[in-house]
Amino acid sequence: MMYAAFRSIGAYVPQKVLSNSDLETMVDTTDEWITKRTGIKERRIAADDEFTSDMGAKAAEIAIERSGIPKEQIDLVVCATISPDYFNMPSTATIIATKLGLPPVMAFDISAMC
């Protein structure tokens, strides 16, 4: 019997940090106001040459390494994002699969907003 399973999880965040204190110098707000309403203390900002697929590939590499599964056994890449590399095609998942050097696999994006 064949089945699908998540065997590992990987995460990646960009290096640049934008804190609420940074935002206080840009707009009329305070750390307290932002935190009280959103719970957000800081956000990560991608570099100018860093795309969603780059971040997804870095997170996937970590997950693959942790799982102990060879890349040849991966047969599906799903990317959930509201900020794809391109508006419509190709899907960010296919770009991630290519950056990972996977054999031809099924790949698709899930787009949803809060």
PDB file of N, CA and C in Angstrom:
ATOM      1  N   MET A   1       0.842  -1.186   0.000  1.00  0.00           N
ATOM      2  CA  MET A   1       0.000   0.000   0.000  1.00  0.00           C
ATOM      3  C   MET A   1       0.884   1.244   0.000  1.00  0.00           C
ATOM      4  N   MET A   2       0.619   2.157  -0.915  1.00  0.00           N
ATOM      5  CA  MET A   2       1.386   3.403  -0.981  1.00  0.00           C
ATOM      6  C   MET A   2       0.667   4.488  -0.179  1.00  0.00           C
ATOM      7  N   TYR A   3       1.446   5.348   0.430  1.00  0.00           N
ATOM      8  CA  TYR A   3       0.881   6.460   1.172  1.00  0.00           C
ATOM      9  C   TYR A   3       1.860   7.620   1.173  1.00  0.00           C
ATOM     10  N   ALA A   4       1.367   8.779   1.522  1.00  0.00           N
ATOM     11  CA  ALA A   4       2.211   9.972   1.608  1.00  0.00           C
ATOM     12  C   ALA A   4       2.524  10.241   3.071  1.00  0.00           C
ATOM     13  N   ALA A   5       3.701  10.812   3.311  1.00  0.00           N
ATOM     14  CA  ALA A   5       4.080  11.113   4.691  1.00  0.00           C
ATOM     15  C   ALA A   5       5.052  12.279   4.725  1.00  0.00           C
ATOM     16  N   PHE A   6       4.937  13.080   5.764  1.00  0.00           N
ATOM     17  CA  PHE A   6       5.946  14.089   6.051  1.00  0.00           C
ATOM     18  C   PHE A   6       6.980  13.403   6.932  1.00  0.00           C
ATOM     19  N   ARG A   7       8.209  13.346   6.486  1.00  0.00           N
ATOM     20  CA  ARG A   7       9.266  12.673   7.241  1.00  0.00           C
ATOM     21  C   ARG A   7      10.155  13.653   7.975  1.00  0.00           C
ATOM     22  N   SER A   8      10.065  14.932   7.606  1.00  0.00           N
ATOM     23  CA  SER A   8      10.941  15.921   8.209  1.00  0.00           C
ATOM     24  C   SER A   8      10.406  17.321   7.893  1.00  0.00           C
ATOM     25  N   ILE A   9      10.884  18.275   8.652  1.00  0.00           N
ATOM     26  CA  ILE A   9      10.532  19.671   8.420  1.00  0.00           C
ATOM     27  C   ILE A   9      11.816  20.491   8.435  1.00  0.00           C
ATOM     28  N   GLY A  10      11.910  21.460   7.548  1.00  0.00           N
ATOM     29  CA  GLY A  10      13.048  22.376   7.530  1.00  0.00           C
ATOM     30  C   GLY A  10      12.537  23.805   7.519  1.00  0.00           C
ATOM     31  N   ALA A  11      13.343  24.719   7.986  1.00  0.00           N
ATOM     32  CA  ALA A  11      12.952  26.132   8.015  1.00  0.00           C
ATOM     33  C   ALA A  11      14.141  26.998   7.632  1.00  0.00           C
ATOM     34  N   TYR A  12      13.826  28.140   7.070  1.00  0.00           N
ATOM     35  CA  TYR A  12      14.847  29.118   6.712  1.00  0.00           C
ATOM     36  C   TYR A  12      14.233  30.504   6.837  1.00  0.00           C
ATOM     37  N   VAL A  13      14.994  31.452   7.350  1.00  0.00           N
ATOM     38  CA  VAL A  13      14.572  32.850   7.386  1.00  0.00           C
ATOM     39  C   VAL A  13      15.707  33.714   6.851  1.00  0.00           C
ATOM     40  N   PRO A  14      15.378  34.787   6.155  1.00  0.00           N
ATOM     41  CA  PRO A  14      16.422  35.686   5.659  1.00  0.00           C
ATOM     42  C   PRO A  14      17.210  36.300   6.816  1.00  0.00           C
ATOM     43  N   GLN A  15      18.412  36.766   6.515  1.00  0.00           N
ATOM     44  CA  GLN A  15      19.296  37.332   7.535  1.00  0.00           C
ATOM     45  C   GLN A  15      18.851  38.713   8.019  1.00  0.00           C
ATOM     46  N   LYS A  16      18.326  39.546   7.111  1.00  0.00           N
ATOM     47  CA  LYS A  16      17.985  40.917   7.473  1.00  0.00           C
ATOM     48  C   LYS A  16      16.747  40.952   8.371  1.00  0.00           C
ATOM     49  N   VAL A  17      16.862  41.676   9.497  1.00  0.00           N
ATOM     50  CA  VAL A  17      15.767  41.806  10.460  1.00  0.00           C
ATOM     51  C   VAL A  17      15.258  43.244  10.463  1.00  0.00           C
ATOM     52  N   LEU A  18      13.951  43.398  10.414  1.00  0.00           N
ATOM     53  CA  LEU A  18      13.314  44.707  10.550  1.00  0.00           C
ATOM     54  C   LEU A  18      12.471  44.649  11.819  1.00  0.00           C
ATOM     55  N   SER A  19      12.894  45.365  12.839  1.00  0.00           N
ATOM     56  CA  SER A  19      12.200  45.332  14.130  1.00  0.00           C
ATOM     57  C   SER A  19      11.138  46.421  14.195  1.00  0.00           C
ATOM     58  N   ASN A  20      10.280  46.308  15.197  1.00  0.00           N
ATOM     59  CA  ASN A  20       9.292  47.361  15.418  1.00  0.00           C
ATOM     60  C   ASN A  20       9.983  48.682  15.738  1.00  0.00           C
ATOM     61  N   SER A  21      11.107  48.620  16.433  1.00  0.00           N
ATOM     62  CA  SER A  21      11.869  49.834  16.724  1.00  0.00           C
ATOM     63  C   SER A  21      12.344  50.497  15.430  1.00  0.00           C
ATOM     64  N   ASP A  22      12.751  49.691  14.458  1.00  0.00           N
ATOM     65  CA  ASP A  22      13.129  50.230  13.147  1.00  0.00           C
ATOM     66  C   ASP A  22      11.940  50.947  12.503  1.00  0.00           C
ATOM     67  N   LEU A  23      10.769  50.339  12.614  1.00  0.00           N
ATOM     68  CA  LEU A  23       9.571  50.937  12.017  1.00  0.00           C
ATOM     69  C   LEU A  23       9.195  52.249  12.694  1.00  0.00           C
ATOM     70  N   GLU A  24       9.520  52.386  13.983  1.00  0.00           N
ATOM     71  CA  GLU A  24       9.234  53.637  14.702  1.00  0.00           C
ATOM     72  C   GLU A  24       9.953  54.827  14.071  1.00  0.00           C
ATOM     73  N   THR A  25      11.098  54.568  13.464  1.00  0.00           N
ATOM     74  CA  THR A  25      11.856  55.649  12.815  1.00  0.00           C
ATOM     75  C   THR A  25      11.335  55.961  11.413  1.00  0.00           C
ATOM     76  N   MET A  26      10.500  55.082  10.863  1.00  0.00           N
ATOM     77  CA  MET A  26      10.000  55.244   9.496  1.00  0.00           C
ATOM     78  C   MET A  26       8.586  55.811   9.437  1.00  0.00           C
ATOM     79  N   VAL A  27       7.743  55.384  10.351  1.00  0.00           N
ATOM     80  CA  VAL A  27       6.339  55.806  10.349  1.00  0.00           C
ATOM     81  C   VAL A  27       5.913  56.142  11.777  1.00  0.00           C
ATOM     82  N   ASP A  28       4.762  56.780  11.899  1.00  0.00           N
ATOM     83  CA  ASP A  28       4.245  57.175  13.209  1.00  0.00           C
ATOM     84  C   ASP A  28       3.607  55.960  13.887  1.00  0.00           C
ATOM     85  N   THR A  29       4.405  55.201  14.613  1.00  0.00           N
ATOM     86  CA  THR A  29       3.934  54.014  15.327  1.00  0.00           C
ATOM     87  C   THR A  29       4.861  53.743  16.493  1.00  0.00           C
ATOM     88  N   THR A  30       4.514  52.764  17.290  1.00  0.00           N
ATOM     89  CA  THR A  30       5.377  52.344  18.398  1.00  0.00           C
ATOM     90  C   THR A  30       5.430  50.829  18.441  1.00  0.00           C
ATOM     91  N   ASP A  31       6.473  50.324  19.067  1.00  0.00           N
ATOM     92  CA  ASP A  31       6.605  48.884  19.267  1.00  0.00           C
ATOM     93  C   ASP A  31       5.381  48.357  20.016  1.00  0.00           C
ATOM     94  N   GLU A  32       4.961  49.081  21.046  1.00  0.00           N
ATOM     95  CA  GLU A  32       3.814  48.647  21.860  1.00  0.00           C
ATOM     96  C   GLU A  32       2.544  48.540  21.014  1.00  0.00           C
ATOM     97  N   TRP A  33       2.295  49.558  20.160  1.00  0.00           N
ATOM     98  CA  TRP A  33       1.094  49.564  19.330  1.00  0.00           C
ATOM     99  C   TRP A  33       1.078  48.365  18.388  1.00  0.00           C
ATOM    100  N   ILE A  34       2.194  48.114  17.725  1.00  0.00           N
ATOM    101  CA  ILE A  34       2.278  46.992  16.776  1.00  0.00           C
ATOM    102  C   ILE A  34       2.131  45.662  17.505  1.00  0.00           C
ATOM    103  N   THR A  35       2.877  45.486  18.598  1.00  0.00           N
ATOM    104  CA  THR A  35       2.868  44.218  19.330  1.00  0.00           C
ATOM    105  C   THR A  35       1.489  43.911  19.899  1.00  0.00           C
ATOM    106  N   LYS A  36       0.831  44.925  20.456  1.00  0.00           N
ATOM    107  CA  LYS A  36      -0.490  44.735  21.057  1.00  0.00           C
ATOM    108  C   LYS A  36      -1.512  44.263  20.025  1.00  0.00           C
ATOM    109  N   ARG A  37      -1.431  44.780  18.811  1.00  0.00           N
ATOM    110  CA  ARG A  37      -2.426  44.469  17.794  1.00  0.00           C
ATOM    111  C   ARG A  37      -2.093  43.248  16.942  1.00  0.00           C
ATOM    112  N   THR A  38      -0.805  42.955  16.803  1.00  0.00           N
ATOM    113  CA  THR A  38      -0.422  41.859  15.901  1.00  0.00           C
ATOM    114  C   THR A  38       0.393  40.755  16.565  1.00  0.00           C
ATOM    115  N   GLY A  39       1.063  41.080  17.662  1.00  0.00           N
ATOM    116  CA  GLY A  39       1.961  40.110  18.293  1.00  0.00           C
ATOM    117  C   GLY A  39       3.319  40.056  17.614  1.00  0.00           C
ATOM    118  N   ILE A  40       3.501  40.851  16.570  1.00  0.00           N
ATOM    119  CA  ILE A  40       4.747  40.827  15.803  1.00  0.00           C
ATOM    120  C   ILE A  40       5.778  41.742  16.466  1.00  0.00           C
ATOM    121  N   LYS A  41       6.988  41.211  16.678  1.00  0.00           N
ATOM    122  CA  LYS A  41       8.095  41.997  17.229  1.00  0.00           C
ATOM    123  C   LYS A  41       9.130  42.339  16.160  1.00  0.00           C
ATOM    124  N   GLU A  42       9.277  41.442  15.195  1.00  0.00           N
ATOM    125  CA  GLU A  42      10.224  41.668  14.105  1.00  0.00           C
ATOM    126  C   GLU A  42       9.777  40.873  12.898  1.00  0.00           C
ATOM    127  N   ARG A  43      10.288  41.262  11.752  1.00  0.00           N
ATOM    128  CA  ARG A  43      10.012  40.527  10.525  1.00  0.00           C
ATOM    129  C   ARG A  43      11.321  40.379   9.779  1.00  0.00           C
ATOM    130  N   ARG A  44      11.400  39.375   8.925  1.00  0.00           N
ATOM    131  CA  ARG A  44      12.601  39.115   8.139  1.00  0.00           C
ATOM    132  C   ARG A  44      12.391  39.634   6.731  1.00  0.00           C
ATOM    133  N   ILE A  45      13.431  40.237   6.184  1.00  0.00           N
ATOM    134  CA  ILE A  45      13.365  40.840   4.853  1.00  0.00           C
ATOM    135  C   ILE A  45      14.338  40.105   3.929  1.00  0.00           C
ATOM    136  N   ALA A  46      13.822  39.609   2.839  1.00  0.00           N
ATOM    137  CA  ALA A  46      14.668  38.911   1.869  1.00  0.00           C
ATOM    138  C   ALA A  46      15.630  39.895   1.213  1.00  0.00           C
ATOM    139  N   ALA A  47      16.811  39.414   0.890  1.00  0.00           N
ATOM    140  CA  ALA A  47      17.790  40.224   0.158  1.00  0.00           C
ATOM    141  C   ALA A  47      17.250  40.501  -1.247  1.00  0.00           C
ATOM    142  N   ASP A  48      17.799  41.506  -1.903  1.00  0.00           N
ATOM    143  CA  ASP A  48      17.332  41.873  -3.245  1.00  0.00           C
ATOM    144  C   ASP A  48      17.440  40.725  -4.241  1.00  0.00           C
ATOM    145  N   ASP A  49      18.423  39.863  -4.041  1.00  0.00           N
ATOM    146  CA  ASP A  49      18.616  38.742  -4.970  1.00  0.00           C
ATOM    147  C   ASP A  49      18.132  37.415  -4.382  1.00  0.00           C
ATOM    148  N   GLU A  50      17.264  37.467  -3.396  1.00  0.00           N
ATOM    149  CA  GLU A  50      16.756  36.261  -2.720  1.00  0.00           C
ATOM    150  C   GLU A  50      15.254  36.147  -2.982  1.00  0.00           C
ATOM    151  N   PHE A  51      14.854  35.028  -3.570  1.00  0.00           N
ATOM    152  CA  PHE A  51      13.469  34.823  -3.954  1.00  0.00           C
ATOM    153  C   PHE A  51      12.822  33.738  -3.102  1.00  0.00           C
ATOM    154  N   THR A  52      11.514  33.640  -3.205  1.00  0.00           N
ATOM    155  CA  THR A  52      10.783  32.620  -2.457  1.00  0.00           C
ATOM    156  C   THR A  52      11.341  31.228  -2.731  1.00  0.00           C
ATOM    157  N   SER A  53      11.672  30.943  -3.975  1.00  0.00           N
ATOM    158  CA  SER A  53      12.217  29.619  -4.310  1.00  0.00           C
ATOM    159  C   SER A  53      13.567  29.382  -3.643  1.00  0.00           C
ATOM    160  N   ASP A  54      14.373  30.429  -3.482  1.00  0.00           N
ATOM    161  CA  ASP A  54      15.656  30.278  -2.783  1.00  0.00           C
ATOM    162  C   ASP A  54      15.427  29.881  -1.329  1.00  0.00           C
ATOM    163  N   MET A  55      14.493  30.565  -0.689  1.00  0.00           N
ATOM    164  CA  MET A  55      14.207  30.262   0.714  1.00  0.00           C
ATOM    165  C   MET A  55      13.585  28.879   0.858  1.00  0.00           C
ATOM    166  N   GLY A  56      12.684  28.531  -0.067  1.00  0.00           N
ATOM    167  CA  GLY A  56      12.071  27.206  -0.043  1.00  0.00           C
ATOM    168  C   GLY A  56      13.086  26.101  -0.257  1.00  0.00           C
ATOM    169  N   ALA A  57      14.018  26.316  -1.188  1.00  0.00           N
ATOM    170  CA  ALA A  57      15.052  25.309  -1.457  1.00  0.00           C
ATOM    171  C   ALA A  57      15.969  25.134  -0.246  1.00  0.00           C
ATOM    172  N   LYS A  58      16.324  26.236   0.424  1.00  0.00           N
ATOM    173  CA  LYS A  58      17.179  26.140   1.617  1.00  0.00           C
ATOM    174  C   LYS A  58      16.467  25.382   2.734  1.00  0.00           C
ATOM    175  N   ALA A  59      15.188  25.661   2.940  1.00  0.00           N
ATOM    176  CA  ALA A  59      14.424  24.939   3.960  1.00  0.00           C
ATOM    177  C   ALA A  59      14.282  23.463   3.589  1.00  0.00           C
ATOM    178  N   ALA A  60      14.044  23.198   2.311  1.00  0.00           N
ATOM    179  CA  ALA A  60      13.897  21.811   1.852  1.00  0.00           C
ATOM    180  C   ALA A  60      15.194  21.025   2.000  1.00  0.00           C
ATOM    181  N   GLU A  61      16.328  21.655   1.708  1.00  0.00           N
ATOM    182  CA  GLU A  61      17.623  20.980   1.880  1.00  0.00           C
ATOM    183  C   GLU A  61      17.797  20.520   3.325  1.00  0.00           C
ATOM    184  N   ILE A  62      17.428  21.376   4.271  1.00  0.00           N
ATOM    185  CA  ILE A  62      17.517  21.018   5.691  1.00  0.00           C
ATOM    186  C   ILE A  62      16.594  19.841   5.997  1.00  0.00           C
ATOM    187  N   ALA A  63      15.364  19.901   5.491  1.00  0.00           N
ATOM    188  CA  ALA A  63      14.407  18.823   5.723  1.00  0.00           C
ATOM    189  C   ALA A  63      14.891  17.504   5.116  1.00  0.00           C
ATOM    190  N   ILE A  64      15.432  17.578   3.913  1.00  0.00           N
ATOM    191  CA  ILE A  64      15.926  16.364   3.246  1.00  0.00           C
ATOM    192  C   ILE A  64      17.080  15.762   4.038  1.00  0.00           C
ATOM    193  N   GLU A  65      18.000  16.600   4.476  1.00  0.00           N
ATOM    194  CA  GLU A  65      19.144  16.108   5.252  1.00  0.00           C
ATOM    195  C   GLU A  65      18.678  15.445   6.548  1.00  0.00           C
ATOM    196  N   ARG A  66      17.749  16.070   7.233  1.00  0.00           N
ATOM    197  CA  ARG A  66      17.235  15.519   8.500  1.00  0.00           C
ATOM    198  C   ARG A  66      16.495  14.206   8.303  1.00  0.00           C
ATOM    199  N   SER A  67      15.821  14.066   7.167  1.00  0.00           N
ATOM    200  CA  SER A  67      14.984  12.893   6.934  1.00  0.00           C
ATOM    201  C   SER A  67      15.784  11.631   6.665  1.00  0.00           C
ATOM    202  N   GLY A  68      16.975  11.804   6.101  1.00  0.00           N
ATOM    203  CA  GLY A  68      17.767  10.635   5.719  1.00  0.00           C
ATOM    204  C   GLY A  68      17.271   9.968   4.454  1.00  0.00           C
ATOM    205  N   ILE A  69      16.344  10.590   3.762  1.00  0.00           N
ATOM    206  CA  ILE A  69      15.796  10.029   2.525  1.00  0.00           C
ATOM    207  C   ILE A  69      16.590  10.560   1.347  1.00  0.00           C
ATOM    208  N   PRO A  70      16.987   9.703   0.418  1.00  0.00           N
ATOM    209  CA  PRO A  70      17.676  10.203  -0.775  1.00  0.00           C
ATOM    210  C   PRO A  70      16.706  11.015  -1.646  1.00  0.00           C
ATOM    211  N   LYS A  71      17.240  12.019  -2.314  1.00  0.00           N
ATOM    212  CA  LYS A  71      16.410  12.888  -3.158  1.00  0.00           C
ATOM    213  C   LYS A  71      15.642  12.094  -4.214  1.00  0.00           C
ATOM    214  N   GLU A  72      16.202  10.976  -4.647  1.00  0.00           N
ATOM    215  CA  GLU A  72      15.555  10.171  -5.687  1.00  0.00           C
ATOM    216  C   GLU A  72      14.214   9.598  -5.226  1.00  0.00           C
ATOM    217  N   GLN A  73      13.971   9.547  -3.917  1.00  0.00           N
ATOM    218  CA  GLN A  73      12.706   9.006  -3.408  1.00  0.00           C
ATOM    219  C   GLN A  73      11.621  10.076  -3.262  1.00  0.00           C
ATOM    220  N   ILE A  74      11.976  11.321  -3.464  1.00  0.00           N
ATOM    221  CA  ILE A  74      10.993  12.401  -3.372  1.00  0.00           C
ATOM    222  C   ILE A  74      10.239  12.458  -4.692  1.00  0.00           C
ATOM    223  N   ASP A  75       8.903  12.457  -4.610  1.00  0.00           N
ATOM    224  CA  ASP A  75       8.129  12.483  -5.854  1.00  0.00           C
ATOM    225  C   ASP A  75       7.093  13.604  -5.915  1.00  0.00           C
ATOM    226  N   LEU A  76       7.113  14.519  -4.944  1.00  0.00           N
ATOM    227  CA  LEU A  76       6.175  15.631  -4.969  1.00  0.00           C
ATOM    228  C   LEU A  76       6.759  16.808  -4.200  1.00  0.00           C
ATOM    229  N   VAL A  77       6.620  18.000  -4.771  1.00  0.00           N
ATOM    230  CA  VAL A  77       7.008  19.240  -4.087  1.00  0.00           C
ATOM    231  C   VAL A  77       5.787  20.146  -4.075  1.00  0.00           C
ATOM    232  N   VAL A  78       5.400  20.583  -2.875  1.00  0.00           N
ATOM    233  CA  VAL A  78       4.286  21.509  -2.709  1.00  0.00           C
ATOM    234  C   VAL A  78       4.832  22.766  -2.049  1.00  0.00           C
ATOM    235  N   CYS A  79       4.517  23.909  -2.609  1.00  0.00           N
ATOM    236  CA  CYS A  79       4.940  25.189  -2.046  1.00  0.00           C
ATOM    237  C   CYS A  79       3.695  26.014  -1.727  1.00  0.00           C
ATOM    238  N   ALA A  80       3.535  26.389  -0.464  1.00  0.00           N
ATOM    239  CA  ALA A  80       2.419  27.240  -0.059  1.00  0.00           C
ATOM    240  C   ALA A  80       2.960  28.650   0.149  1.00  0.00           C
ATOM    241  N   THR A  81       2.514  29.585  -0.678  1.00  0.00           N
ATOM    242  CA  THR A  81       3.027  30.954  -0.595  1.00  0.00           C
ATOM    243  C   THR A  81       2.030  31.942  -1.159  1.00  0.00           C
ATOM    244  N   ILE A  82       2.088  33.176  -0.646  1.00  0.00           N
ATOM    245  CA  ILE A  82       1.333  34.262  -1.267  1.00  0.00           C
ATOM    246  C   ILE A  82       2.289  35.201  -1.988  1.00  0.00           C
ATOM    247  N   SER A  83       3.575  34.811  -2.016  1.00  0.00           N
ATOM    248  CA  SER A  83       4.576  35.636  -2.705  1.00  0.00           C
ATOM    249  C   SER A  83       5.449  34.762  -3.603  1.00  0.00           C
ATOM    250  N   PRO A  84       4.870  34.237  -4.691  1.00  0.00           N
ATOM    251  CA  PRO A  84       5.630  33.374  -5.590  1.00  0.00           C
ATOM    252  C   PRO A  84       6.710  34.138  -6.350  1.00  0.00           C
ATOM    253  N   ASP A  85       7.650  33.401  -6.918  1.00  0.00           N
ATOM    254  CA  ASP A  85       8.691  34.027  -7.735  1.00  0.00           C
ATOM    255  C   ASP A  85       8.085  34.739  -8.942  1.00  0.00           C
ATOM    256  N   TYR A  86       7.089  34.116  -9.555  1.00  0.00           N
ATOM    257  CA  TYR A  86       6.424  34.662 -10.731  1.00  0.00           C
ATOM    258  C   TYR A  86       4.928  34.693 -10.484  1.00  0.00           C
ATOM    259  N   PHE A  87       4.238  35.578 -11.161  1.00  0.00           N
ATOM    260  CA  PHE A  87       2.807  35.747 -10.953  1.00  0.00           C
ATOM    261  C   PHE A  87       2.022  34.463 -11.210  1.00  0.00           C
ATOM    262  N   ASN A  88       2.326  33.766 -12.294  1.00  0.00           N
ATOM    263  CA  ASN A  88       1.510  32.604 -12.639  1.00  0.00           C
ATOM    264  C   ASN A  88       2.347  31.361 -12.925  1.00  0.00           C
ATOM    265  N   MET A  89       3.238  31.437 -13.897  1.00  0.00           N
ATOM    266  CA  MET A  89       4.033  30.262 -14.260  1.00  0.00           C
ATOM    267  C   MET A  89       5.463  30.678 -14.500  1.00  0.00           C
ATOM    268  N   PRO A  90       6.412  29.847 -14.211  1.00  0.00           N
ATOM    269  CA  PRO A  90       6.246  28.524 -13.618  1.00  0.00           C
ATOM    270  C   PRO A  90       5.941  28.631 -12.129  1.00  0.00           C
ATOM    271  N   SER A  91       5.407  27.557 -11.585  1.00  0.00           N
ATOM    272  CA  SER A  91       5.117  27.551 -10.157  1.00  0.00           C
ATOM    273  C   SER A  91       6.425  27.589  -9.372  1.00  0.00           C
ATOM    274  N   THR A  92       6.367  28.165  -8.195  1.00  0.00           N
ATOM    275  CA  THR A  92       7.561  28.236  -7.345  1.00  0.00           C
ATOM    276  C   THR A  92       8.012  26.834  -6.948  1.00  0.00           C
ATOM    277  N   ALA A  93       7.069  25.913  -6.786  1.00  0.00           N
ATOM    278  CA  ALA A  93       7.418  24.531  -6.435  1.00  0.00           C
ATOM    279  C   ALA A  93       8.293  23.886  -7.503  1.00  0.00           C
ATOM    280  N   THR A  94       8.010  24.163  -8.780  1.00  0.00           N
ATOM    281  CA  THR A  94       8.839  23.574  -9.834  1.00  0.00           C
ATOM    282  C   THR A  94      10.246  24.172  -9.825  1.00  0.00           C
ATOM    283  N   ILE A  95      10.338  25.449  -9.483  1.00  0.00           N
ATOM    284  CA  ILE A  95      11.657  26.087  -9.389  1.00  0.00           C
ATOM    285  C   ILE A  95      12.435  25.492  -8.218  1.00  0.00           C
ATOM    286  N   ILE A  96      11.761  25.281  -7.094  1.00  0.00           N
ATOM    287  CA  ILE A  96      12.404  24.656  -5.930  1.00  0.00           C
ATOM    288  C   ILE A  96      12.902  23.262  -6.290  1.00  0.00           C
ATOM    289  N   ALA A  97      12.071  22.477  -6.955  1.00  0.00           N
ATOM    290  CA  ALA A  97      12.473  21.117  -7.351  1.00  0.00           C
ATOM    291  C   ALA A  97      13.723  21.152  -8.219  1.00  0.00           C
ATOM    292  N   THR A  98      13.786  22.103  -9.139  1.00  0.00           N
ATOM    293  CA  THR A  98      14.955  22.243 -10.007  1.00  0.00           C
ATOM    294  C   THR A  98      16.185  22.640  -9.199  1.00  0.00           C
ATOM    295  N   LYS A  99      16.031  23.612  -8.289  1.00  0.00           N
ATOM    296  CA  LYS A  99      17.164  24.049  -7.460  1.00  0.00           C
ATOM    297  C   LYS A  99      17.672  22.936  -6.553  1.00  0.00           C
ATOM    298  N   LEU A 100      16.783  22.018  -6.171  1.00  0.00           N
ATOM    299  CA  LEU A 100      17.184  20.879  -5.337  1.00  0.00           C
ATOM    300  C   LEU A 100      17.836  19.775  -6.148  1.00  0.00           C
ATOM    301  N   GLY A 101      17.744  19.860  -7.475  1.00  0.00           N
ATOM    302  CA  GLY A 101      18.311  18.816  -8.327  1.00  0.00           C
ATOM    303  C   GLY A 101      17.514  17.525  -8.260  1.00  0.00           C
ATOM    304  N   LEU A 102      16.205  17.643  -8.049  1.00  0.00           N
ATOM    305  CA  LEU A 102      15.362  16.445  -7.981  1.00  0.00           C
ATOM    306  C   LEU A 102      15.133  15.881  -9.372  1.00  0.00           C
ATOM    307  N   PRO A 103      14.875  14.582  -9.442  1.00  0.00           N
ATOM    308  CA  PRO A 103      14.472  14.024 -10.733  1.00  0.00           C
ATOM    309  C   PRO A 103      13.101  14.607 -11.090  1.00  0.00           C
ATOM    310  N   PRO A 104      12.623  14.407 -12.315  1.00  0.00           N
ATOM    311  CA  PRO A 104      11.305  14.957 -12.653  1.00  0.00           C
ATOM    312  C   PRO A 104      10.247  14.497 -11.643  1.00  0.00           C
ATOM    313  N   VAL A 105       9.598  15.482 -11.010  1.00  0.00           N
ATOM    314  CA  VAL A 105       8.588  15.184  -9.991  1.00  0.00           C
ATOM    315  C   VAL A 105       7.366  16.062 -10.223  1.00  0.00           C
ATOM    316  N   MET A 106       6.265  15.668  -9.620  1.00  0.00           N
ATOM    317  CA  MET A 106       5.084  16.538  -9.611  1.00  0.00           C
ATOM    318  C   MET A 106       5.405  17.698  -8.669  1.00  0.00           C
ATOM    319  N   ALA A 107       4.949  18.893  -9.022  1.00  0.00           N
ATOM    320  CA  ALA A 107       5.187  20.058  -8.179  1.00  0.00           C
ATOM    321  C   ALA A 107       4.090  21.088  -8.429  1.00  0.00           C
ATOM    322  N   PHE A 108       3.578  21.677  -7.345  1.00  0.00           N
ATOM    323  CA  PHE A 108       2.557  22.710  -7.506  1.00  0.00           C
ATOM    324  C   PHE A 108       2.571  23.654  -6.313  1.00  0.00           C
ATOM    325  N   ASP A 109       1.998  24.846  -6.533  1.00  0.00           N
ATOM    326  CA  ASP A 109       1.876  25.846  -5.490  1.00  0.00           C
ATOM    327  C   ASP A 109       0.459  25.850  -4.942  1.00  0.00           C
ATOM    328  N   ILE A 110       0.358  26.186  -3.676  1.00  0.00           N
ATOM    329  CA  ILE A 110      -0.926  26.476  -3.047  1.00  0.00           C
ATOM    330  C   ILE A 110      -0.875  27.952  -2.690  1.00  0.00           C
ATOM    331  N   SER A 111      -1.815  28.713  -3.220  1.00  0.00           N
ATOM    332  CA  SER A 111      -1.857  30.147  -2.932  1.00  0.00           C
ATOM    333  C   SER A 111      -3.071  30.454  -2.088  1.00  0.00           C
ATOM    334  N   ALA A 112      -2.850  31.053  -0.938  1.00  0.00           N
ATOM    335  CA  ALA A 112      -3.956  31.438  -0.060  1.00  0.00           C
ATOM    336  C   ALA A 112      -3.509  32.621   0.778  1.00  0.00           C
ATOM    337  N   MET A 113      -4.451  33.444   1.138  1.00  0.00           N
ATOM    338  CA  MET A 113      -4.137  34.601   1.983  1.00  0.00           C
ATOM    339  C   MET A 113      -4.927  34.485   3.277  1.00  0.00           C
ATOM    340  N   CYS A 114      -4.487  35.254   4.249  1.00  0.00           N
ATOM    341  CA  CYS A 114      -5.128  35.174   5.555  1.00  0.00           C
ATOM    342  C   CYS A 114      -6.508  35.771   5.571  1.00  0.00           C
TER     343      CYS A 114
END
